[in-house]
Amino acid sequence: MDNNLQHYASPYYDPQKAHEYYMRTRELKGRRSATKLSDEGKKAWSYTKNEIKAEKKAKVEGGTGKAKTNYNSA
């Protein structure tokens, strides 16, 4: 049995070239900022965030239903 790794069955695959391409083109992407959203987008983001927080709180408290959410009107 051959102990060499075969990444692809293609004879055109070159692992060294693939690594060089990866190193040349890699780019880390940060978190999206909520400050760049429109007013409507901010409302949707806030609503979603509060719903997720409420569901987590309900699970922690052992409740099966939705937890009561408090919305601050800004």
N, C-alpha and C. Protein backbone atom coordinates (compact mmCIF):
# COMPACT_ATOMS: atom_id res chain seq x y z
N MET A 1 0.85 -1.18 0.00
CA MET A 1 0.00 0.00 0.00
C MET A 1 0.89 1.24 0.00
N ASP A 2 0.51 2.22 -0.75
CA ASP A 2 1.29 3.45 -0.90
C ASP A 2 1.00 4.39 0.28
N ASN A 3 2.05 4.92 0.90
CA ASN A 3 1.88 5.79 2.07
C ASN A 3 1.74 7.26 1.70
N ASN A 4 1.80 7.60 0.42
CA ASN A 4 1.66 8.99 0.00
C ASN A 4 0.20 9.43 0.05
N LEU A 5 0.01 10.69 0.42
CA LEU A 5 -1.34 11.23 0.43
C LEU A 5 -1.69 11.71 -0.98
N GLN A 6 -2.88 11.40 -1.40
CA GLN A 6 -3.37 11.91 -2.67
C GLN A 6 -4.50 12.86 -2.36
N HIS A 7 -4.23 14.16 -2.51
CA HIS A 7 -5.26 15.14 -2.21
C HIS A 7 -6.35 15.13 -3.27
N TYR A 8 -5.97 15.11 -4.48
CA TYR A 8 -6.92 15.04 -5.59
C TYR A 8 -6.44 14.00 -6.58
N ALA A 9 -7.36 13.48 -7.32
CA ALA A 9 -6.99 12.50 -8.34
C ALA A 9 -6.45 13.20 -9.58
N SER A 10 -6.60 14.51 -9.68
CA SER A 10 -6.17 15.25 -10.86
C SER A 10 -4.65 15.37 -10.89
N PRO A 11 -4.06 15.13 -12.05
CA PRO A 11 -2.60 15.29 -12.16
C PRO A 11 -2.19 16.76 -12.20
N TYR A 12 -3.16 17.67 -12.32
CA TYR A 12 -2.86 19.10 -12.42
C TYR A 12 -2.80 19.79 -11.06
N TYR A 13 -3.19 19.10 -10.00
CA TYR A 13 -3.19 19.71 -8.67
C TYR A 13 -1.77 19.78 -8.13
N ASP A 14 -1.38 20.97 -7.72
CA ASP A 14 -0.06 21.18 -7.14
C ASP A 14 -0.25 21.77 -5.75
N PRO A 15 0.04 21.01 -4.70
CA PRO A 15 -0.19 21.50 -3.34
C PRO A 15 0.62 22.77 -3.02
N GLN A 16 1.82 22.87 -3.54
CA GLN A 16 2.63 24.06 -3.29
C GLN A 16 1.99 25.29 -3.91
N LYS A 17 1.52 25.18 -5.15
CA LYS A 17 0.85 26.30 -5.80
C LYS A 17 -0.44 26.65 -5.09
N ALA A 18 -1.16 25.65 -4.64
CA ALA A 18 -2.41 25.89 -3.92
C ALA A 18 -2.14 26.66 -2.63
N HIS A 19 -1.09 26.29 -1.92
CA HIS A 19 -0.74 26.99 -0.69
C HIS A 19 -0.31 28.42 -0.97
N GLU A 20 0.48 28.62 -2.00
CA GLU A 20 0.90 29.97 -2.37
C GLU A 20 -0.29 30.85 -2.72
N TYR A 21 -1.25 30.30 -3.47
CA TYR A 21 -2.45 31.04 -3.82
C TYR A 21 -3.25 31.41 -2.57
N TYR A 22 -3.37 30.46 -1.65
CA TYR A 22 -4.10 30.72 -0.41
C TYR A 22 -3.42 31.83 0.38
N MET A 23 -2.11 31.76 0.52
CA MET A 23 -1.38 32.77 1.29
C MET A 23 -1.48 34.15 0.65
N ARG A 24 -1.54 34.18 -0.67
CA ARG A 24 -1.60 35.45 -1.40
C ARG A 24 -2.98 36.08 -1.33
N THR A 25 -4.03 35.26 -1.29
CA THR A 25 -5.39 35.79 -1.41
C THR A 25 -6.19 35.75 -0.11
N ARG A 26 -5.62 35.23 0.96
CA ARG A 26 -6.39 35.13 2.20
C ARG A 26 -6.67 36.52 2.77
N GLU A 27 -7.82 36.64 3.37
CA GLU A 27 -8.20 37.91 3.97
C GLU A 27 -9.21 37.61 5.07
N LEU A 28 -8.91 38.08 6.26
CA LEU A 28 -9.81 37.87 7.38
C LEU A 28 -10.90 38.93 7.34
N LYS A 29 -12.11 38.51 7.65
CA LYS A 29 -13.24 39.44 7.64
C LYS A 29 -13.72 39.61 9.07
N GLY A 30 -13.83 40.83 9.49
CA GLY A 30 -14.28 41.12 10.85
C GLY A 30 -15.78 41.10 10.96
N ARG A 31 -16.25 41.42 12.13
CA ARG A 31 -17.69 41.48 12.36
C ARG A 31 -18.28 42.70 11.65
N ARG A 32 -19.51 42.54 11.21
CA ARG A 32 -20.21 43.68 10.61
C ARG A 32 -20.64 44.62 11.70
N SER A 33 -20.46 45.87 11.48
CA SER A 33 -20.82 46.88 12.46
C SER A 33 -22.29 47.27 12.29
N ALA A 34 -22.98 47.40 13.41
CA ALA A 34 -24.39 47.81 13.37
C ALA A 34 -24.53 49.29 13.08
N THR A 35 -23.45 50.05 13.23
CA THR A 35 -23.53 51.49 12.99
C THR A 35 -23.67 51.82 11.52
N LYS A 36 -23.33 50.89 10.65
CA LYS A 36 -23.43 51.14 9.21
C LYS A 36 -24.80 50.80 8.64
N LEU A 37 -25.70 50.30 9.48
CA LEU A 37 -27.04 49.93 9.03
C LEU A 37 -27.94 51.16 8.93
N SER A 38 -28.96 51.04 8.09
CA SER A 38 -29.97 52.10 8.01
C SER A 38 -30.84 52.01 9.27
N ASP A 39 -31.73 52.98 9.44
CA ASP A 39 -32.60 52.97 10.62
C ASP A 39 -33.47 51.72 10.66
N GLU A 40 -33.98 51.32 9.51
CA GLU A 40 -34.80 50.11 9.44
C GLU A 40 -33.97 48.87 9.76
N GLY A 41 -32.74 48.84 9.27
CA GLY A 41 -31.85 47.72 9.55
C GLY A 41 -31.49 47.65 11.02
N LYS A 42 -31.30 48.82 11.66
CA LYS A 42 -30.99 48.85 13.09
C LYS A 42 -32.15 48.32 13.91
N LYS A 43 -33.39 48.66 13.49
CA LYS A 43 -34.56 48.17 14.21
C LYS A 43 -34.66 46.65 14.09
N ALA A 44 -34.43 46.14 12.88
CA ALA A 44 -34.50 44.70 12.66
C ALA A 44 -33.40 43.99 13.45
N TRP A 45 -32.20 44.54 13.46
CA TRP A 45 -31.08 43.95 14.19
C TRP A 45 -31.38 43.93 15.68
N SER A 46 -31.92 45.03 16.20
CA SER A 46 -32.24 45.13 17.62
C SER A 46 -33.33 44.13 18.00
N TYR A 47 -34.36 44.02 17.16
CA TYR A 47 -35.46 43.08 17.42
C TYR A 47 -34.92 41.65 17.46
N THR A 48 -34.11 41.31 16.48
CA THR A 48 -33.56 39.96 16.40
C THR A 48 -32.68 39.66 17.61
N LYS A 49 -31.85 40.61 17.98
CA LYS A 49 -30.96 40.44 19.13
C LYS A 49 -31.77 40.23 20.40
N ASN A 50 -32.83 41.01 20.58
CA ASN A 50 -33.67 40.86 21.77
C ASN A 50 -34.41 39.53 21.79
N GLU A 51 -34.87 39.06 20.63
CA GLU A 51 -35.55 37.78 20.57
C GLU A 51 -34.61 36.63 20.93
N ILE A 52 -33.40 36.67 20.43
CA ILE A 52 -32.42 35.63 20.73
C ILE A 52 -32.09 35.65 22.22
N LYS A 53 -31.92 36.85 22.77
CA LYS A 53 -31.62 36.98 24.19
C LYS A 53 -32.77 36.42 25.03
N ALA A 54 -34.00 36.71 24.63
CA ALA A 54 -35.17 36.23 25.37
C ALA A 54 -35.27 34.71 25.32
N GLU A 55 -35.00 34.12 24.16
CA GLU A 55 -35.04 32.66 24.04
C GLU A 55 -33.98 32.01 24.91
N LYS A 56 -32.78 32.58 24.93
CA LYS A 56 -31.72 32.03 25.78
C LYS A 56 -32.11 32.12 27.25
N LYS A 57 -32.68 33.26 27.63
CA LYS A 57 -33.09 33.46 29.01
C LYS A 57 -34.16 32.46 29.40
N ALA A 58 -35.11 32.20 28.50
CA ALA A 58 -36.18 31.25 28.78
C ALA A 58 -35.62 29.84 28.95
N LYS A 59 -34.63 29.48 28.15
CA LYS A 59 -34.03 28.15 28.28
C LYS A 59 -33.29 28.02 29.60
N VAL A 60 -32.59 29.08 30.00
CA VAL A 60 -31.83 29.05 31.24
C VAL A 60 -32.77 28.94 32.44
N GLU A 61 -33.88 29.66 32.39
CA GLU A 61 -34.83 29.65 33.49
C GLU A 61 -35.66 28.38 33.51
N GLY A 62 -35.56 27.59 32.47
CA GLY A 62 -36.29 26.33 32.42
C GLY A 62 -37.70 26.48 31.90
N GLY A 63 -38.05 27.65 31.41
CA GLY A 63 -39.38 27.86 30.86
C GLY A 63 -39.48 27.27 29.46
N THR A 64 -40.69 26.89 29.10
CA THR A 64 -40.88 26.33 27.77
C THR A 64 -41.37 27.38 26.78
N GLY A 65 -41.96 28.44 27.29
CA GLY A 65 -42.48 29.49 26.42
C GLY A 65 -41.48 30.61 26.24
N LYS A 66 -41.91 31.64 25.56
CA LYS A 66 -41.05 32.80 25.36
C LYS A 66 -40.98 33.61 26.65
N ALA A 67 -39.82 34.13 26.92
CA ALA A 67 -39.66 35.00 28.08
C ALA A 67 -40.23 36.37 27.74
N LYS A 68 -40.63 37.09 28.76
CA LYS A 68 -41.16 38.44 28.55
C LYS A 68 -40.01 39.34 28.12
N THR A 69 -40.22 40.07 27.03
CA THR A 69 -39.17 40.96 26.53
C THR A 69 -39.51 42.39 26.85
N ASN A 70 -38.51 43.14 27.25
CA ASN A 70 -38.69 44.55 27.52
C ASN A 70 -38.01 45.33 26.40
N TYR A 71 -38.78 46.12 25.70
CA TYR A 71 -38.24 46.91 24.60
C TYR A 71 -38.15 48.36 25.04
N ASN A 72 -36.98 48.91 24.91
CA ASN A 72 -36.78 50.33 25.22
C ASN A 72 -37.06 51.14 23.98
N SER A 73 -37.98 52.07 24.06
CA SER A 73 -38.27 52.89 22.89
C SER A 73 -37.27 54.03 22.87
N ALA A 74 -36.56 54.12 21.75
CA ALA A 74 -35.52 55.14 21.63
C ALA A 74 -35.92 56.20 20.67
